[in-house]
Amino acid sequence: MLVRITVSRAGARRDARRLKRSLARMMEKLAPGRDLELSVSLVSDGEIAALNGEHMGLDEPTDVLSFPLLDREEARRAGAGGGPPEPIGDVVISLDTARGQASEQGSALYDELEVLAAHGLLHLFGYDHIGPNESAEMARQERMLLGRSIIGEVTGEG
């Protein structure tokens, strides 16, 4: 598993290194034995608001956005054929929003980044929280990856 993390601010580099290891473990749980590549960007509220406006039509920051390269079935088969890691998509997380949410919950920034990254990763694997059945399945997957779920706490698109 290959995880690439880009950080726009120096203060989150240590959290990014921890997050990289955690995401590699999550990907192994979701796709055992396959070789996949994931790109994660930790950005400002301004940067994610621009992406949210361009891709979701919402002119506001959000906590996490996912940009899958494959549909759900392709993602479930990806990386099984040998060769170099197969890219599955990009996850973008707002450091500003993550810091605010962590502060509101009395948790560490890393804990919030990890749950947002898991949420974004699941979107890349085709999970969603549009209806009750989809939300329940995504929540189960979040609990499998992290032991907790943010489904029901999510206020915007992820």
N, C-alpha and C. Protein backbone atom coordinates (compact mmCIF):
# COMPACT_ATOMS: atom_id res chain seq x y z
N MET A 1 0.84 -1.18 0.00
CA MET A 1 0.00 0.00 0.00
C MET A 1 0.88 1.24 0.00
N LEU A 2 0.53 2.17 -0.85
CA LEU A 2 1.28 3.41 -0.93
C LEU A 2 0.34 4.55 -0.57
N VAL A 3 0.73 5.32 0.45
CA VAL A 3 -0.05 6.47 0.88
C VAL A 3 0.84 7.70 0.76
N ARG A 4 0.38 8.68 0.00
CA ARG A 4 1.11 9.94 -0.15
C ARG A 4 0.30 11.03 0.53
N ILE A 5 0.94 11.76 1.43
CA ILE A 5 0.26 12.85 2.13
C ILE A 5 0.99 14.15 1.87
N THR A 6 0.24 15.15 1.42
CA THR A 6 0.75 16.49 1.20
C THR A 6 0.17 17.39 2.28
N VAL A 7 1.03 18.16 2.92
CA VAL A 7 0.60 19.04 4.00
C VAL A 7 0.94 20.47 3.61
N SER A 8 -0.06 21.35 3.68
CA SER A 8 0.19 22.74 3.31
C SER A 8 0.75 23.55 4.48
N ARG A 9 0.77 22.98 5.68
CA ARG A 9 1.28 23.70 6.85
C ARG A 9 2.24 22.81 7.63
N ALA A 10 3.35 23.38 8.04
CA ALA A 10 4.39 22.61 8.72
C ALA A 10 3.92 22.03 10.05
N GLY A 11 3.01 22.66 10.74
CA GLY A 11 2.58 22.23 12.07
C GLY A 11 1.90 20.87 12.11
N ALA A 12 1.50 20.34 10.97
CA ALA A 12 0.77 19.06 10.96
C ALA A 12 1.62 17.91 10.41
N ARG A 13 2.89 18.12 10.21
CA ARG A 13 3.73 17.08 9.59
C ARG A 13 3.83 15.82 10.45
N ARG A 14 3.95 15.96 11.75
CA ARG A 14 4.03 14.78 12.63
C ARG A 14 2.72 13.99 12.57
N ASP A 15 1.60 14.70 12.62
CA ASP A 15 0.30 14.03 12.50
C ASP A 15 0.17 13.35 11.15
N ALA A 16 0.71 13.98 10.10
CA ALA A 16 0.64 13.40 8.76
C ALA A 16 1.41 12.08 8.70
N ARG A 17 2.57 12.00 9.34
CA ARG A 17 3.34 10.74 9.34
C ARG A 17 2.56 9.63 10.04
N ARG A 18 1.94 9.95 11.17
CA ARG A 18 1.11 8.95 11.88
C ARG A 18 -0.08 8.55 11.03
N LEU A 19 -0.70 9.53 10.39
CA LEU A 19 -1.87 9.28 9.56
C LEU A 19 -1.52 8.37 8.38
N LYS A 20 -0.36 8.56 7.82
CA LYS A 20 0.09 7.73 6.70
C LYS A 20 0.14 6.25 7.11
N ARG A 21 0.70 5.97 8.27
CA ARG A 21 0.76 4.58 8.77
C ARG A 21 -0.64 4.03 9.04
N SER A 22 -1.49 4.84 9.64
CA SER A 22 -2.85 4.42 9.96
C SER A 22 -3.64 4.12 8.69
N LEU A 23 -3.52 4.98 7.69
CA LEU A 23 -4.24 4.77 6.43
C LEU A 23 -3.76 3.51 5.70
N ALA A 24 -2.48 3.23 5.77
CA ALA A 24 -1.97 1.99 5.15
C ALA A 24 -2.61 0.77 5.83
N ARG A 25 -2.76 0.81 7.15
CA ARG A 25 -3.44 -0.30 7.87
C ARG A 25 -4.91 -0.38 7.48
N MET A 26 -5.57 0.76 7.36
CA MET A 26 -6.98 0.77 6.96
C MET A 26 -7.15 0.18 5.56
N MET A 27 -6.28 0.57 4.65
CA MET A 27 -6.37 0.06 3.29
C MET A 27 -6.15 -1.45 3.25
N GLU A 28 -5.26 -1.94 4.09
CA GLU A 28 -5.02 -3.38 4.16
C GLU A 28 -6.28 -4.11 4.66
N LYS A 29 -7.00 -3.50 5.60
CA LYS A 29 -8.26 -4.09 6.08
C LYS A 29 -9.32 -4.11 4.98
N LEU A 30 -9.39 -3.03 4.22
CA LEU A 30 -10.40 -2.92 3.17
C LEU A 30 -10.05 -3.74 1.93
N ALA A 31 -8.76 -3.89 1.66
CA ALA A 31 -8.32 -4.56 0.43
C ALA A 31 -7.11 -5.45 0.73
N PRO A 32 -7.31 -6.51 1.52
CA PRO A 32 -6.18 -7.35 1.92
C PRO A 32 -5.45 -7.94 0.71
N GLY A 33 -4.12 -7.84 0.77
CA GLY A 33 -3.29 -8.44 -0.26
C GLY A 33 -3.21 -7.67 -1.57
N ARG A 34 -3.91 -6.56 -1.66
CA ARG A 34 -3.86 -5.79 -2.90
C ARG A 34 -2.89 -4.62 -2.75
N ASP A 35 -2.44 -4.11 -3.86
CA ASP A 35 -1.47 -3.02 -3.87
C ASP A 35 -2.13 -1.77 -4.43
N LEU A 36 -2.46 -0.84 -3.53
CA LEU A 36 -3.20 0.36 -3.91
C LEU A 36 -2.41 1.61 -3.53
N GLU A 37 -2.76 2.70 -4.20
CA GLU A 37 -2.14 4.00 -3.91
C GLU A 37 -3.23 5.00 -3.56
N LEU A 38 -2.97 5.77 -2.51
CA LEU A 38 -3.90 6.79 -2.03
C LEU A 38 -3.15 8.10 -1.89
N SER A 39 -3.79 9.18 -2.28
CA SER A 39 -3.24 10.52 -2.12
C SER A 39 -4.12 11.29 -1.14
N VAL A 40 -3.50 11.91 -0.14
CA VAL A 40 -4.23 12.70 0.85
C VAL A 40 -3.59 14.08 0.91
N SER A 41 -4.42 15.11 0.92
CA SER A 41 -3.93 16.49 1.06
C SER A 41 -4.57 17.11 2.30
N LEU A 42 -3.74 17.67 3.15
CA LEU A 42 -4.21 18.40 4.33
C LEU A 42 -4.07 19.87 3.99
N VAL A 43 -5.21 20.57 3.91
CA VAL A 43 -5.26 21.92 3.36
C VAL A 43 -5.96 22.89 4.31
N SER A 44 -6.04 24.15 3.91
CA SER A 44 -6.73 25.18 4.69
C SER A 44 -8.22 25.18 4.34
N ASP A 45 -9.00 25.89 5.16
CA ASP A 45 -10.42 26.06 4.85
C ASP A 45 -10.62 26.74 3.50
N GLY A 46 -9.77 27.73 3.18
CA GLY A 46 -9.90 28.41 1.90
C GLY A 46 -9.69 27.47 0.72
N GLU A 47 -8.69 26.60 0.84
CA GLU A 47 -8.41 25.65 -0.25
C GLU A 47 -9.54 24.64 -0.43
N ILE A 48 -10.07 24.13 0.69
CA ILE A 48 -11.13 23.13 0.56
C ILE A 48 -12.44 23.78 0.14
N ALA A 49 -12.66 25.05 0.54
CA ALA A 49 -13.87 25.77 0.10
C ALA A 49 -13.86 25.93 -1.42
N ALA A 50 -12.69 26.22 -1.98
CA ALA A 50 -12.60 26.36 -3.44
C ALA A 50 -12.91 25.03 -4.12
N LEU A 51 -12.38 23.94 -3.60
CA LEU A 51 -12.67 22.61 -4.17
C LEU A 51 -14.14 22.25 -4.00
N ASN A 52 -14.70 22.57 -2.83
CA ASN A 52 -16.10 22.27 -2.56
C ASN A 52 -17.01 23.03 -3.52
N GLY A 53 -16.65 24.28 -3.79
CA GLY A 53 -17.43 25.07 -4.74
C GLY A 53 -17.33 24.53 -6.15
N GLU A 54 -16.12 24.18 -6.56
CA GLU A 54 -15.88 23.70 -7.92
C GLU A 54 -16.53 22.34 -8.18
N HIS A 55 -16.44 21.43 -7.21
CA HIS A 55 -16.88 20.05 -7.44
C HIS A 55 -18.24 19.70 -6.85
N MET A 56 -18.64 20.40 -5.79
CA MET A 56 -19.90 20.07 -5.13
C MET A 56 -20.94 21.19 -5.25
N GLY A 57 -20.52 22.35 -5.77
CA GLY A 57 -21.44 23.47 -5.91
C GLY A 57 -21.76 24.15 -4.60
N LEU A 58 -20.94 23.93 -3.57
CA LEU A 58 -21.17 24.54 -2.26
C LEU A 58 -20.05 25.52 -1.96
N ASP A 59 -20.38 26.78 -1.80
CA ASP A 59 -19.38 27.82 -1.60
C ASP A 59 -19.07 27.98 -0.12
N GLU A 60 -18.50 26.92 0.48
CA GLU A 60 -18.16 26.94 1.90
C GLU A 60 -17.15 25.83 2.17
N PRO A 61 -16.40 25.98 3.26
CA PRO A 61 -15.48 24.90 3.62
C PRO A 61 -16.25 23.68 4.13
N THR A 62 -15.61 22.55 4.06
CA THR A 62 -16.13 21.31 4.63
C THR A 62 -14.97 20.60 5.29
N ASP A 63 -15.23 19.50 5.97
CA ASP A 63 -14.13 18.83 6.65
C ASP A 63 -13.34 17.90 5.75
N VAL A 64 -14.03 17.14 4.87
CA VAL A 64 -13.33 16.18 4.02
C VAL A 64 -14.04 16.04 2.68
N LEU A 65 -13.26 15.93 1.63
CA LEU A 65 -13.78 15.65 0.29
C LEU A 65 -13.02 14.44 -0.26
N SER A 66 -13.72 13.64 -1.03
CA SER A 66 -13.11 12.48 -1.67
C SER A 66 -13.31 12.56 -3.17
N PHE A 67 -12.27 12.18 -3.89
CA PHE A 67 -12.30 12.20 -5.34
C PHE A 67 -11.87 10.83 -5.86
N PRO A 68 -12.85 9.91 -6.00
CA PRO A 68 -12.51 8.55 -6.44
C PRO A 68 -12.10 8.51 -7.91
N LEU A 69 -11.15 7.66 -8.20
CA LEU A 69 -10.74 7.42 -9.59
C LEU A 69 -11.46 6.21 -10.18
N LEU A 70 -12.07 5.41 -9.31
CA LEU A 70 -12.72 4.17 -9.73
C LEU A 70 -14.13 4.12 -9.18
N ASP A 71 -15.01 3.37 -9.84
CA ASP A 71 -16.33 3.16 -9.24
C ASP A 71 -16.21 2.06 -8.19
N ARG A 72 -17.30 1.79 -7.49
CA ARG A 72 -17.27 0.86 -6.35
C ARG A 72 -16.74 -0.52 -6.75
N GLU A 73 -17.21 -1.06 -7.85
CA GLU A 73 -16.77 -2.39 -8.27
C GLU A 73 -15.31 -2.40 -8.71
N GLU A 74 -14.90 -1.36 -9.42
CA GLU A 74 -13.50 -1.26 -9.82
C GLU A 74 -12.58 -1.15 -8.60
N ALA A 75 -13.00 -0.38 -7.61
CA ALA A 75 -12.21 -0.21 -6.39
C ALA A 75 -12.06 -1.53 -5.65
N ARG A 76 -13.09 -2.35 -5.67
CA ARG A 76 -13.02 -3.65 -4.97
C ARG A 76 -12.08 -4.63 -5.67
N ARG A 77 -11.82 -4.42 -6.96
CA ARG A 77 -10.93 -5.32 -7.71
C ARG A 77 -9.53 -4.74 -7.89
N ALA A 78 -9.37 -3.45 -7.64
CA ALA A 78 -8.11 -2.75 -7.95
C ALA A 78 -6.93 -3.34 -7.19
N GLY A 79 -5.78 -3.27 -7.83
CA GLY A 79 -4.53 -3.64 -7.18
C GLY A 79 -4.29 -5.12 -7.02
N ALA A 80 -5.07 -5.95 -7.67
CA ALA A 80 -4.93 -7.40 -7.50
C ALA A 80 -4.05 -8.04 -8.56
N GLY A 81 -3.72 -7.31 -9.62
CA GLY A 81 -3.02 -7.92 -10.74
C GLY A 81 -1.52 -7.84 -10.71
N GLY A 82 -0.92 -7.43 -9.62
CA GLY A 82 0.52 -7.25 -9.61
C GLY A 82 0.89 -5.93 -10.25
N GLY A 83 2.15 -5.68 -10.37
CA GLY A 83 2.60 -4.42 -10.95
C GLY A 83 2.63 -3.32 -9.91
N PRO A 84 2.74 -2.08 -10.36
CA PRO A 84 2.83 -0.95 -9.42
C PRO A 84 1.49 -0.74 -8.71
N PRO A 85 1.52 -0.03 -7.56
CA PRO A 85 0.26 0.25 -6.85
C PRO A 85 -0.74 0.96 -7.75
N GLU A 86 -1.99 0.57 -7.66
CA GLU A 86 -3.04 1.18 -8.48
C GLU A 86 -3.70 2.33 -7.72
N PRO A 87 -3.69 3.54 -8.28
CA PRO A 87 -4.31 4.69 -7.61
C PRO A 87 -5.83 4.50 -7.50
N ILE A 88 -6.36 4.81 -6.31
CA ILE A 88 -7.81 4.70 -6.11
C ILE A 88 -8.48 6.06 -5.97
N GLY A 89 -7.70 7.10 -5.70
CA GLY A 89 -8.29 8.43 -5.60
C GLY A 89 -7.57 9.32 -4.62
N ASP A 90 -8.21 10.46 -4.36
CA ASP A 90 -7.65 11.50 -3.50
C ASP A 90 -8.63 11.85 -2.39
N VAL A 91 -8.08 12.10 -1.21
CA VAL A 91 -8.85 12.59 -0.07
C VAL A 91 -8.25 13.93 0.32
N VAL A 92 -9.11 14.92 0.51
CA VAL A 92 -8.67 16.25 0.91
C VAL A 92 -9.34 16.57 2.24
N ILE A 93 -8.54 16.96 3.22
CA ILE A 93 -9.04 17.25 4.57
C ILE A 93 -8.65 18.67 4.94
N SER A 94 -9.60 19.43 5.48
CA SER A 94 -9.30 20.77 5.96
C SER A 94 -8.70 20.70 7.35
N LEU A 95 -7.46 21.16 7.48
CA LEU A 95 -6.82 21.22 8.81
C LEU A 95 -7.55 22.20 9.72
N ASP A 96 -8.01 23.32 9.16
CA ASP A 96 -8.71 24.32 9.96
C ASP A 96 -10.00 23.74 10.55
N THR A 97 -10.79 23.10 9.71
CA THR A 97 -12.05 22.52 10.19
C THR A 97 -11.78 21.36 11.14
N ALA A 98 -10.79 20.54 10.82
CA ALA A 98 -10.45 19.42 11.70
C ALA A 98 -10.03 19.94 13.08
N ARG A 99 -9.24 21.01 13.12
CA ARG A 99 -8.82 21.58 14.41
C ARG A 99 -10.03 22.07 15.20
N GLY A 100 -10.94 22.77 14.52
CA GLY A 100 -12.14 23.26 15.19
C GLY A 100 -13.01 22.14 15.73
N GLN A 101 -13.20 21.10 14.93
CA GLN A 101 -14.02 19.96 15.36
C GLN A 101 -13.35 19.22 16.51
N ALA A 102 -12.03 19.07 16.46
CA ALA A 102 -11.31 18.41 17.55
C ALA A 102 -11.47 19.21 18.84
N SER A 103 -11.35 20.53 18.73
CA SER A 103 -11.49 21.39 19.90
C SER A 103 -12.89 21.28 20.50
N GLU A 104 -13.92 21.30 19.63
CA GLU A 104 -15.31 21.17 20.10
C GLU A 104 -15.54 19.86 20.83
N GLN A 105 -14.90 18.80 20.36
CA GLN A 105 -15.10 17.47 20.94
C GLN A 105 -14.12 17.18 22.08
N GLY A 106 -13.17 18.07 22.31
CA GLY A 106 -12.17 17.85 23.34
C GLY A 106 -11.21 16.72 23.00
N SER A 107 -10.94 16.55 21.70
CA SER A 107 -10.04 15.49 21.28
C SER A 107 -8.81 16.09 20.60
N ALA A 108 -7.84 15.26 20.34
CA ALA A 108 -6.61 15.69 19.68
C ALA A 108 -6.85 15.87 18.18
N LEU A 109 -6.08 16.75 17.58
CA LEU A 109 -6.18 16.96 16.14
C LEU A 109 -5.98 15.65 15.39
N TYR A 110 -4.99 14.85 15.79
CA TYR A 110 -4.73 13.60 15.09
C TYR A 110 -5.96 12.70 15.07
N ASP A 111 -6.66 12.60 16.20
CA ASP A 111 -7.85 11.75 16.26
C ASP A 111 -8.90 12.18 15.25
N GLU A 112 -9.07 13.49 15.11
CA GLU A 112 -10.04 14.01 14.13
C GLU A 112 -9.56 13.76 12.71
N LEU A 113 -8.28 13.97 12.46
CA LEU A 113 -7.74 13.69 11.13
C LEU A 113 -7.92 12.22 10.75
N GLU A 114 -7.69 11.34 11.70
CA GLU A 114 -7.81 9.91 11.43
C GLU A 114 -9.24 9.52 11.06
N VAL A 115 -10.21 10.02 11.79
CA VAL A 115 -11.60 9.66 11.49
C VAL A 115 -12.05 10.29 10.17
N LEU A 116 -11.61 11.51 9.88
CA LEU A 116 -11.96 12.13 8.60
C LEU A 116 -11.29 11.39 7.44
N ALA A 117 -10.05 10.96 7.64
CA ALA A 117 -9.35 10.20 6.60
C ALA A 117 -10.04 8.87 6.34
N ALA A 118 -10.46 8.19 7.40
CA ALA A 118 -11.19 6.92 7.24
C ALA A 118 -12.48 7.15 6.48
N HIS A 119 -13.19 8.20 6.83
CA HIS A 119 -14.45 8.54 6.17
C HIS A 119 -14.21 8.79 4.67
N GLY A 120 -13.20 9.59 4.37
CA GLY A 120 -12.87 9.87 2.97
C GLY A 120 -12.43 8.62 2.23
N LEU A 121 -11.64 7.78 2.87
CA LEU A 121 -11.18 6.53 2.25
C LEU A 121 -12.36 5.64 1.90
N LEU A 122 -13.32 5.54 2.80
CA LEU A 122 -14.50 4.71 2.53
C LEU A 122 -15.28 5.23 1.33
N HIS A 123 -15.34 6.54 1.17
CA HIS A 123 -15.99 7.09 -0.03
C HIS A 123 -15.26 6.62 -1.29
N LEU A 124 -13.93 6.53 -1.23
CA LEU A 124 -13.18 6.05 -2.40
C LEU A 124 -13.50 4.60 -2.73
N PHE A 125 -13.89 3.83 -1.71
CA PHE A 125 -14.27 2.44 -1.92
C PHE A 125 -15.76 2.29 -2.23
N GLY A 126 -16.44 3.41 -2.46
CA GLY A 126 -17.83 3.37 -2.90
C GLY A 126 -18.88 3.42 -1.81
N TYR A 127 -18.47 3.61 -0.56
CA TYR A 127 -19.44 3.71 0.52
C TYR A 127 -19.97 5.14 0.57
N ASP A 128 -21.22 5.30 1.02
CA ASP A 128 -21.82 6.61 1.12
C ASP A 128 -22.79 6.64 2.29
N HIS A 129 -23.33 7.80 2.58
CA HIS A 129 -24.27 7.97 3.70
C HIS A 129 -25.48 8.79 3.26
N ILE A 130 -25.96 8.49 2.04
CA ILE A 130 -27.09 9.23 1.50
C ILE A 130 -28.40 8.77 2.13
N GLY A 131 -28.64 7.47 2.21
CA GLY A 131 -29.86 6.94 2.79
C GLY A 131 -29.55 6.13 4.04
N PRO A 132 -30.58 5.67 4.75
CA PRO A 132 -30.37 4.96 6.01
C PRO A 132 -29.58 3.65 5.87
N ASN A 133 -29.83 2.88 4.82
CA ASN A 133 -29.09 1.63 4.64
C ASN A 133 -27.62 1.90 4.34
N GLU A 134 -27.37 2.88 3.45
CA GLU A 134 -25.99 3.23 3.12
C GLU A 134 -25.27 3.80 4.33
N SER A 135 -25.95 4.63 5.11
CA SER A 135 -25.36 5.21 6.31
C SER A 135 -24.99 4.13 7.31
N ALA A 136 -25.88 3.17 7.49
CA ALA A 136 -25.61 2.08 8.44
C ALA A 136 -24.39 1.26 8.01
N GLU A 137 -24.29 0.97 6.73
CA GLU A 137 -23.15 0.20 6.23
C GLU A 137 -21.85 1.00 6.36
N MET A 138 -21.90 2.28 6.04
CA MET A 138 -20.69 3.08 6.15
C MET A 138 -20.27 3.20 7.62
N ALA A 139 -21.22 3.36 8.50
CA ALA A 139 -20.91 3.42 9.94
C ALA A 139 -20.27 2.11 10.41
N ARG A 140 -20.77 0.98 9.92
CA ARG A 140 -20.16 -0.32 10.27
C ARG A 140 -18.71 -0.38 9.80
N GLN A 141 -18.48 0.10 8.60
CA GLN A 141 -17.12 0.09 8.06
C GLN A 141 -16.19 1.03 8.85
N GLU A 142 -16.69 2.19 9.24
CA GLU A 142 -15.89 3.10 10.07
C GLU A 142 -15.53 2.45 11.40
N ARG A 143 -16.50 1.78 12.01
CA ARG A 143 -16.22 1.10 13.28
C ARG A 143 -15.22 -0.04 13.09
N MET A 144 -15.29 -0.74 11.94
CA MET A 144 -14.34 -1.81 11.66
C MET A 144 -12.92 -1.23 11.53
N LEU A 145 -12.80 -0.07 10.90
CA LEU A 145 -11.49 0.53 10.70
C LEU A 145 -10.93 1.18 11.96
N LEU A 146 -11.80 1.83 12.74
CA LEU A 146 -11.33 2.68 13.84
C LEU A 146 -11.92 2.37 15.21
N GLY A 147 -12.96 1.55 15.24
CA GLY A 147 -13.62 1.31 16.51
C GLY A 147 -14.65 2.37 16.85
N ARG A 148 -14.86 3.33 15.95
CA ARG A 148 -15.85 4.39 16.16
C ARG A 148 -16.34 4.86 14.79
N SER A 149 -17.44 5.63 14.81
CA SER A 149 -18.01 6.12 13.56
C SER A 149 -18.44 7.55 13.71
N ILE A 150 -18.33 8.31 12.62
CA ILE A 150 -18.82 9.69 12.64
C ILE A 150 -20.13 9.82 11.89
N ILE A 151 -20.65 8.74 11.34
CA ILE A 151 -21.94 8.80 10.64
C ILE A 151 -22.99 9.26 11.66
N GLY A 152 -23.81 10.19 11.25
CA GLY A 152 -24.76 10.77 12.16
C GLY A 152 -24.23 12.08 12.74
N GLU A 153 -22.90 12.19 12.82
CA GLU A 153 -22.28 13.43 13.24
C GLU A 153 -21.88 14.28 12.06
N VAL A 154 -21.87 13.67 10.85
CA VAL A 154 -21.47 14.37 9.64
C VAL A 154 -22.55 15.36 9.25
N THR A 155 -22.15 16.62 9.06
CA THR A 155 -23.15 17.64 8.72
C THR A 155 -23.14 18.01 7.25
N GLY A 156 -22.05 17.72 6.55
CA GLY A 156 -21.96 18.08 5.15
C GLY A 156 -21.59 16.86 4.32
N GLU A 157 -21.38 17.09 3.06
CA GLU A 157 -20.94 16.00 2.19
C GLU A 157 -19.50 15.66 2.55
N GLY A 158 -19.17 14.37 2.49
CA GLY A 158 -17.81 13.97 2.82
C GLY A 158 -17.07 13.41 1.67
